[in-house]
Structures are given as structure tokens and as C-alpha cells.
Protein backbone atom coordinates (compact mmCIF):
# COMPACT_ATOMS: atom_id res chain seq x y z
CA MET A 1 -7.30 0.62 -8.89
CA THR A 2 -9.24 -2.00 -10.83
CA VAL A 3 -8.01 -4.14 -13.71
CA VAL A 4 -10.36 -5.08 -16.53
CA ALA A 5 -10.43 -8.81 -17.31
CA LEU A 6 -8.52 -9.56 -14.16
CA SER A 7 -8.84 -8.21 -10.69
CA ILE A 8 -5.88 -5.93 -10.02
CA VAL A 9 -1.97 -4.35 -6.24
CA LEU A 10 2.64 -4.10 -1.10
CA ILE A 11 3.74 -6.49 1.13
CA CYS A 12 2.94 -7.79 4.59
CA THR A 13 5.90 -8.86 6.62
CA GLY A 14 6.21 -10.66 9.92
CA ILE A 15 6.54 -8.37 12.93
CA GLU A 16 9.12 -9.41 15.48
CA SER A 17 8.61 -6.83 18.20
CA ALA A 18 6.35 -3.99 19.27
CA ASP A 19 9.00 -1.49 18.15
CA ASN A 20 8.42 -2.56 14.54
CA ARG A 21 4.66 -2.45 14.73
CA VAL A 22 2.36 0.14 13.25
CA ARG A 23 0.95 2.10 16.17
CA VAL A 24 -2.79 2.54 15.81
CA GLY A 25 -5.42 4.52 17.68
CA VAL A 26 -9.18 4.06 17.39
CA ALA A 27 -11.53 7.03 17.40
CA SER A 28 -15.33 6.92 17.81
CA ILE A 29 -17.92 8.95 19.67
CA ASP A 30 -19.69 5.67 20.50
CA PRO A 31 -17.98 3.87 23.44
CA ALA A 32 -19.38 0.48 22.36
CA ILE A 33 -18.00 0.81 18.82
CA TYR A 34 -14.68 2.03 20.22
CA GLY A 35 -14.39 -0.90 22.62
CA GLU A 36 -15.28 -3.56 20.07
CA MET A 37 -12.90 -2.23 17.43
CA VAL A 38 -10.02 -1.99 19.91
CA SER A 39 -10.69 -5.57 20.99
CA LEU A 40 -10.73 -6.90 17.42
CA LEU A 41 -7.57 -5.07 16.37
CA THR A 42 -5.72 -6.17 19.50
CA LYS A 43 -6.55 -9.84 18.86
CA SER A 44 -4.67 -9.69 15.57
CA GLY A 45 -1.37 -9.78 17.41
CA THR A 46 0.25 -7.77 14.62
CA LEU A 47 -0.71 -4.21 15.57
CA GLN A 48 0.21 -2.11 18.55
CA VAL A 49 -3.13 -0.59 19.54
CA ILE A 50 -2.81 2.56 21.63
CA GLU A 51 -5.87 2.96 23.84
CA ARG A 52 -6.64 6.64 24.26
CA ARG A 53 -10.26 7.55 24.64
CA ASP A 54 -10.04 11.34 24.63
CA LEU A 55 -9.10 11.93 20.99
CA THR A 56 -11.68 14.68 20.41
CA PRO A 57 -9.16 17.53 19.80
CA LEU A 58 -7.20 15.50 17.25
CA ILE A 59 -10.36 14.24 15.55
CA ARG A 60 -11.58 17.84 15.20
CA GLU A 61 -8.26 18.96 13.73
CA ILE A 62 -8.19 16.04 11.29
CA GLU A 63 -11.75 16.80 10.16
CA LEU A 64 -10.80 20.43 9.54
CA SER A 65 -7.78 19.31 7.53
CA GLN A 66 -9.90 16.95 5.45
CA SER A 67 -12.42 19.71 4.75
CA GLY A 68 -9.69 22.08 3.58
CA VAL A 69 -10.25 24.60 6.37
CA VAL A 70 -6.68 24.13 7.57
CA ASP A 71 -3.60 22.95 5.73
CA GLY A 72 -0.40 21.16 6.62
CA LYS A 73 0.61 18.78 9.35
CA SER A 74 -1.18 18.42 12.64
CA GLU A 75 0.40 20.52 15.39
CA SER A 76 -1.28 18.38 18.06
CA LEU A 77 0.12 15.05 16.84
CA LEU A 78 -0.47 12.47 19.54
CA LYS A 79 2.81 10.84 20.45
CA GLY A 80 2.96 7.14 19.76
CA ILE A 81 0.18 6.98 17.14
CA ASP A 82 0.92 6.54 13.43
CA TYR A 83 -2.64 6.07 12.19
CA LEU A 84 -6.17 6.58 13.44
CA VAL A 85 -9.04 4.24 12.60
CA MET A 86 -12.03 6.59 12.67
CA MET A 87 -15.30 4.72 13.23
CA GLU A 88 -18.95 5.72 12.95
CA LYS A 89 -22.32 4.04 12.63
CA ILE A 90 -24.43 4.60 9.51
CA GLY A 91 -27.85 2.99 9.86
CA ASN A 92 -27.32 -0.70 10.52
CA ARG A 93 -23.78 -0.68 9.18
CA PHE A 94 -20.50 0.95 10.13
CA SER A 95 -17.85 2.95 8.34
CA ALA A 96 -14.13 3.09 8.97
CA ARG A 97 -11.49 5.50 7.71
CA ILE A 98 -7.77 5.03 8.15
CA VAL A 99 -6.09 8.42 8.38
CA ARG A 100 -2.55 9.53 9.06
CA SER A 101 -2.49 11.18 12.46
CA ASP A 102 0.09 13.80 11.42
CA THR A 103 -1.56 15.09 8.24
CA GLY A 104 -5.17 13.90 8.40
CA GLN A 105 -4.79 12.30 4.96
CA ILE A 106 -7.41 9.61 4.35
CA LEU A 107 -5.66 6.48 3.13
CA VAL A 108 -8.74 4.34 2.58
CA SER A 109 -12.35 4.01 3.74
CA TRP A 110 -14.87 1.16 3.91
CA THR A 111 -18.39 0.36 5.04
CA GLY A 112 -19.49 -2.98 6.48
CA THR A 113 -19.76 -4.89 9.73
CA ILE A 114 -17.27 -4.20 12.49
CA ASN A 115 -15.65 -7.61 11.93
CA GLU A 116 -15.25 -6.90 8.21
CA LEU A 117 -13.82 -3.46 8.91
CA ALA A 118 -11.36 -4.82 11.47
CA GLU A 119 -10.12 -7.42 8.96
CA ASN A 120 -9.73 -4.73 6.30
CA CYS A 121 -7.83 -2.45 8.67
CA ILE A 122 -5.47 -5.21 9.78
CA SER A 123 -4.70 -6.16 6.19
CA LYS A 124 -4.05 -2.55 5.18
CA LEU A 125 -1.87 -1.71 8.16
CA GLU A 126 0.13 -4.93 7.89
CA SER A 127 0.87 -3.98 4.30
CA ASP A 128 2.07 -0.61 5.55
CA VAL A 129 4.72 -2.37 7.64
CA ALA A 130 5.99 -4.13 4.54
CA LEU A 131 6.07 -0.91 2.54
CA LYS A 132 8.20 0.65 5.25
CA ASN A 133 10.60 -2.28 5.06
CA LEU A 134 10.94 -1.95 1.29
CA SER A 135 11.24 1.82 1.53
CA GLN A 136 14.25 1.36 3.78
CA MET A 137 15.96 -0.41 0.86
CA ASP A 138 16.22 2.78 -1.17
CA ASN A 139 19.52 2.50 -3.01
CA ASP A 140 21.30 5.73 -3.92
CA LYS A 141 24.37 3.79 -5.11
CA GLY A 142 22.59 1.79 -7.78
CA ILE A 143 20.24 2.08 -10.74
CA ASP A 144 17.97 5.12 -10.88
CA VAL A 145 14.34 4.09 -11.46
CA GLU A 146 11.77 6.72 -12.45
CA ILE A 147 8.00 6.13 -12.46
CA ASN A 148 5.72 8.67 -14.13
CA PHE A 149 1.93 8.96 -14.19
CA ALA A 150 0.12 11.34 -16.50
CA ARG A 151 -1.80 12.86 -13.58
CA ASP A 152 -1.75 13.10 -9.79
CA PHE A 153 -5.12 11.42 -9.29
CA TYR A 154 -7.54 9.27 -11.28
CA PRO A 155 -11.33 9.52 -10.97
CA ALA A 156 -13.36 6.32 -11.01
CA GLY A 157 -13.69 4.87 -14.50
CA SER A 158 -10.60 6.53 -15.95
CA LYS A 159 -7.85 4.58 -17.67
CA ILE A 160 -4.60 4.22 -15.75
CA GLU A 161 -1.21 4.00 -17.44
CA PHE A 162 2.28 4.86 -16.30
CA THR A 163 5.83 4.71 -17.60
CA VAL A 164 9.07 3.39 -16.16
CA GLU A 165 12.58 4.53 -17.07
CA ALA A 166 15.87 3.17 -15.70
CA SER A 167 19.37 4.60 -15.88
CA GLU A 168 20.91 1.23 -16.83
CA ASN A 169 19.99 -1.98 -18.63
CA GLY A 170 18.24 -4.54 -16.47
CA PHE A 171 15.21 -6.65 -15.62
CA MET A 172 12.07 -4.98 -14.32
CA TYR A 173 9.74 -6.13 -11.52
CA VAL A 174 6.49 -4.24 -10.85
CA ILE A 175 4.46 -4.49 -7.62
CA ASP A 176 1.24 -2.59 -6.96
CA VAL A 177 -0.24 -1.93 -3.51
CA GLN A 178 -3.86 -0.85 -3.51
CA PRO A 179 -5.36 1.43 -0.84
CA ASP A 180 -6.94 -1.48 1.06
CA GLY A 181 -3.62 -3.33 1.28
CA ASN A 182 -4.28 -5.86 -1.49
CA VAL A 183 -1.01 -6.86 -3.13
CA TYR A 184 -0.47 -7.81 -6.77
CA VAL A 185 2.71 -8.51 -8.69
CA LEU A 186 2.20 -7.30 -12.25
CA VAL A 187 5.68 -8.21 -13.50
CA PRO A 188 6.89 -10.89 -13.74
CA ASN A 189 4.02 -13.18 -14.66
CA ALA A 190 3.81 -16.51 -16.44
CA ASN A 191 3.17 -14.78 -19.77
CA THR A 192 6.09 -12.35 -19.76
CA GLY A 193 8.59 -13.25 -17.07
CA PRO A 194 10.78 -10.31 -15.99
CA ILE A 195 10.68 -7.58 -18.62
CA GLU A 196 14.04 -6.39 -19.96
CA ILE A 197 14.50 -2.65 -19.97
CA ALA A 198 17.27 -0.71 -21.71
CA ALA A 199 18.98 2.32 -20.23
CA GLY A 200 16.88 5.40 -20.98
CA GLU A 201 14.05 3.36 -22.54
CA VAL A 202 10.55 4.51 -21.60
CA VAL A 203 8.46 1.41 -20.91
CA GLU A 204 4.69 1.76 -20.80
CA ILE A 205 2.67 -0.14 -18.20
CA PRO A 206 0.41 -2.00 -18.81
CA GLY A 207 1.56 -1.55 -22.42
CA ARG A 208 2.43 -4.96 -23.79
CA LEU A 209 1.20 -6.83 -20.72
CA GLY A 210 -2.18 -7.39 -22.39
CA PHE A 211 -4.63 -5.93 -19.85
CA ARG A 212 -6.13 -2.56 -18.92
CA MET A 213 -6.08 -0.77 -15.59
CA THR A 214 -9.14 1.27 -14.72
CA ALA A 215 -9.59 3.47 -11.65
CA GLY A 216 -12.16 2.04 -9.25
CA GLU A 217 -12.60 0.67 -5.77
CA PRO A 218 -10.86 0.63 -3.39
CA PHE A 219 -10.47 4.42 -3.35
CA GLY A 220 -7.52 6.12 -1.70
CA ILE A 221 -3.75 6.13 -2.12
CA ASP A 222 -2.28 3.52 -4.45
CA THR A 223 1.45 2.74 -4.37
CA VAL A 224 3.49 1.34 -7.24
CA LYS A 225 7.02 0.01 -6.68
CA VAL A 226 9.38 -0.90 -9.51
CA ILE A 227 12.63 -2.80 -9.00
CA VAL A 228 15.29 -3.01 -11.74
CA THR A 229 18.20 -5.47 -11.44
CA LYS A 230 21.13 -6.19 -13.77
CA LYS A 231 20.61 -9.93 -13.29
CA LYS A 232 17.35 -11.83 -12.90
CA ILE A 233 16.18 -12.45 -9.35
CA ASP A 234 13.52 -14.78 -7.97
CA ILE A 235 11.08 -12.78 -5.84
CA PHE A 236 8.82 -15.85 -5.69
CA ARG A 237 11.43 -18.02 -4.03
CA PHE A 238 9.33 -18.75 -0.92
CA SER A 239 6.59 -21.08 -2.23
CA LEU A 240 4.59 -18.53 -4.23
CA ASN A 241 2.96 -19.53 -7.50
CA MET A 242 3.37 -17.09 -10.36
CA GLY A 243 0.05 -16.15 -11.97
CA LYS A 244 -0.62 -16.25 -15.71
CA ASP A 245 -1.37 -12.54 -16.13
CA TYR A 246 -0.61 -11.30 -12.61
CA THR A 247 -0.03 -12.71 -9.14
CA GLU A 248 -2.39 -11.97 -6.28
CA VAL A 249 -0.56 -12.27 -2.98
CA LYS A 250 -2.94 -13.13 -0.14
CA ASP A 251 -2.75 -13.07 3.64
CA LYS A 252 0.43 -14.66 5.01
CA GLU A 253 1.82 -15.11 1.49
CA ARG A 254 2.68 -11.41 1.67
CA GLU A 255 5.36 -12.20 4.23
CA ASN A 256 6.88 -14.72 1.79
CA LEU A 257 6.92 -12.16 -1.00
CA SER A 258 8.50 -9.55 1.24
CA ARG A 259 11.20 -11.97 2.35
CA GLY A 260 11.83 -13.01 -1.24
CA VAL A 261 12.30 -9.45 -2.47
CA ILE A 262 14.52 -8.39 0.41
CA LEU A 263 16.75 -11.48 0.42
CA GLU A 264 17.18 -11.53 -3.36
CA LEU A 265 18.27 -7.88 -3.39
CA LYS A 266 20.70 -8.46 -0.54
CA LYS A 267 22.45 -11.10 -2.66
CA ILE A 268 23.56 -8.62 -5.32
CA PRO A 269 25.84 -5.55 -5.12
CA ASP A 270 24.20 -2.18 -4.52
CA SER A 271 25.44 -1.04 -7.92
CA ASP A 272 23.43 -3.79 -9.64
CA TRP A 273 19.90 -2.82 -8.61
CA GLY A 274 17.57 0.09 -7.99
CA ILE A 275 14.05 0.70 -6.70
CA GLY A 276 11.50 3.40 -7.45
CA SER A 277 8.19 4.23 -5.77
CA LYS A 278 5.24 6.38 -6.76
CA GLN A 279 1.89 7.10 -5.09
CA ILE A 280 -1.28 8.12 -6.88
CA GLU A 281 -4.77 8.84 -5.62
CA ILE A 282 -7.83 6.92 -6.83
CA ARG A 283 -10.91 9.11 -6.31
CA LYS A 284 -14.57 8.29 -6.15
CA ILE A 285 -16.68 10.45 -8.45
CA LYS A 286 -19.01 12.59 -6.33
């Protein structure tokens, strides 16, 4: 997802033990590419890299799933692997795809040097850890938050808008996670602060925020999370500077944002907040 007039998305959190890590496998028909990528990902210290060289059956099944020849979840899911980083060489450059090992769904793809691709993969997968942490905070005792997009996917160049509706009055916070793991807080910002929302009111985003969102790179699955609280909270409490139109959260700042969101929500009763999540696909025009 790309924002016109400002670059536009959740959250990378510290990982305390291997049990909390995203478990990653690397797949490549080239042993040299395989070895180098495993080495780079392992050095990050934030991923649990599962070294299994004979992934040919799973790779074949994933490729069939991606082509539409077969549907549904993989029956040969490799135990202990959440995602595969599928590598190949194209001329003098390399490509990487992150796919879910159970469904074969492509989350994001890049081309570049191996070092660039490793950095991109680490950033994306770290963000996945944070999304899991926030997802665990689903609150069925509190405010219902509904996010609606006009379509299930957006081709490159198309305008993106969505609506938010809450079951009770409150203050709205909007966080967008792009397919490559980039994190942006759309609301609040220095121009608007938290946006008040009335029970049953349909609020358009970007609407009154004063910018446009246009589908573009990075392509893949984009995740929007909306939090509504009865009282204002400070999700920027850990040394994050609020941006004028939006806030780009970089590198280790993602951990601070994640901690801020989680700790602020823990301070208030379950009945006083709610969280909604919605995924959309950003497609490259072929």
C-alpha cells in the first residue's frame, strides 16, 4: 500500500525465548544460496532458523497451490516451520518469497542482493511476531470494532479506502502493517490526535485525515488494526515521536510501539476497549 504525498503501514517486539520465535525454513535449489541465506538469517538472533535441506516435496506442493492446481492447506506440512523463504537467482540478482508453509500463500516477494533480501525477511518476520502478540489481545468482553474494505484485493494504482464502526463511543487508533513489515501509525498523528468515534458511526479512512492511499509496492498481504478505547491512551509512551501526518515506526522502535500498545490496554478494564483486524491483498498488475 502506498500513500500519495507521504510514504505509507505492525509491530516488532522483543523475543525472549526460542519458543516465541517465528520458525523459518529456507528453500533453494542452489546450495550456495541456501547456505548464505541461512547464515544471514541466523545472525539476526531474532529468528529460529530450521535447517532442512530436503524441502523438495513441500516446495513442489506449495508451487502447485500457488498455481491453482491444488487448493487448501498443505497435507505435508513440515513440523516446526511456520514460513518458508524461497530463494532463486535471476541473472545477477536474487529473488525471495516468504510463503506460509501450511497454505502456500505468498505473503511478500522482493528482488535484490542476498543481504538486502535477508534484511527484508528479518524485518517482515519480526513484524509477524508482533502481530501475533496483538492478535492474542482479542477482547470479546469489550467494544466490537468492525473494519470494512470495498473489495478483497486492490490492483496497483487503485485508490484504497476503508471504514471503521464501533459498538460504543470511544477514541480510535489505526495501525497499518504493509506486506514487507513496514509499520505506520495513521491515527493518532500531530494533526488529528486520537479520532473520536460514536457508537454505530461509520468513519471513513483516510477520509478527513487529508491524504490518499493508493495500492502499490510492496505487494502482498496488508494488515490494518484498529483499537477503540473509552478513554485516551498513549501508545507512544516509550520515546516515540508522533509524526505530523503519520508516524513511521522503524527498526527497534517497533518494540517500543508494541510495548506501548500492550501496556496501555492492560491498564484499562476489558469492557473499555476493543480491537479489530482486517487483511487485504495488494496485487501487482500483470
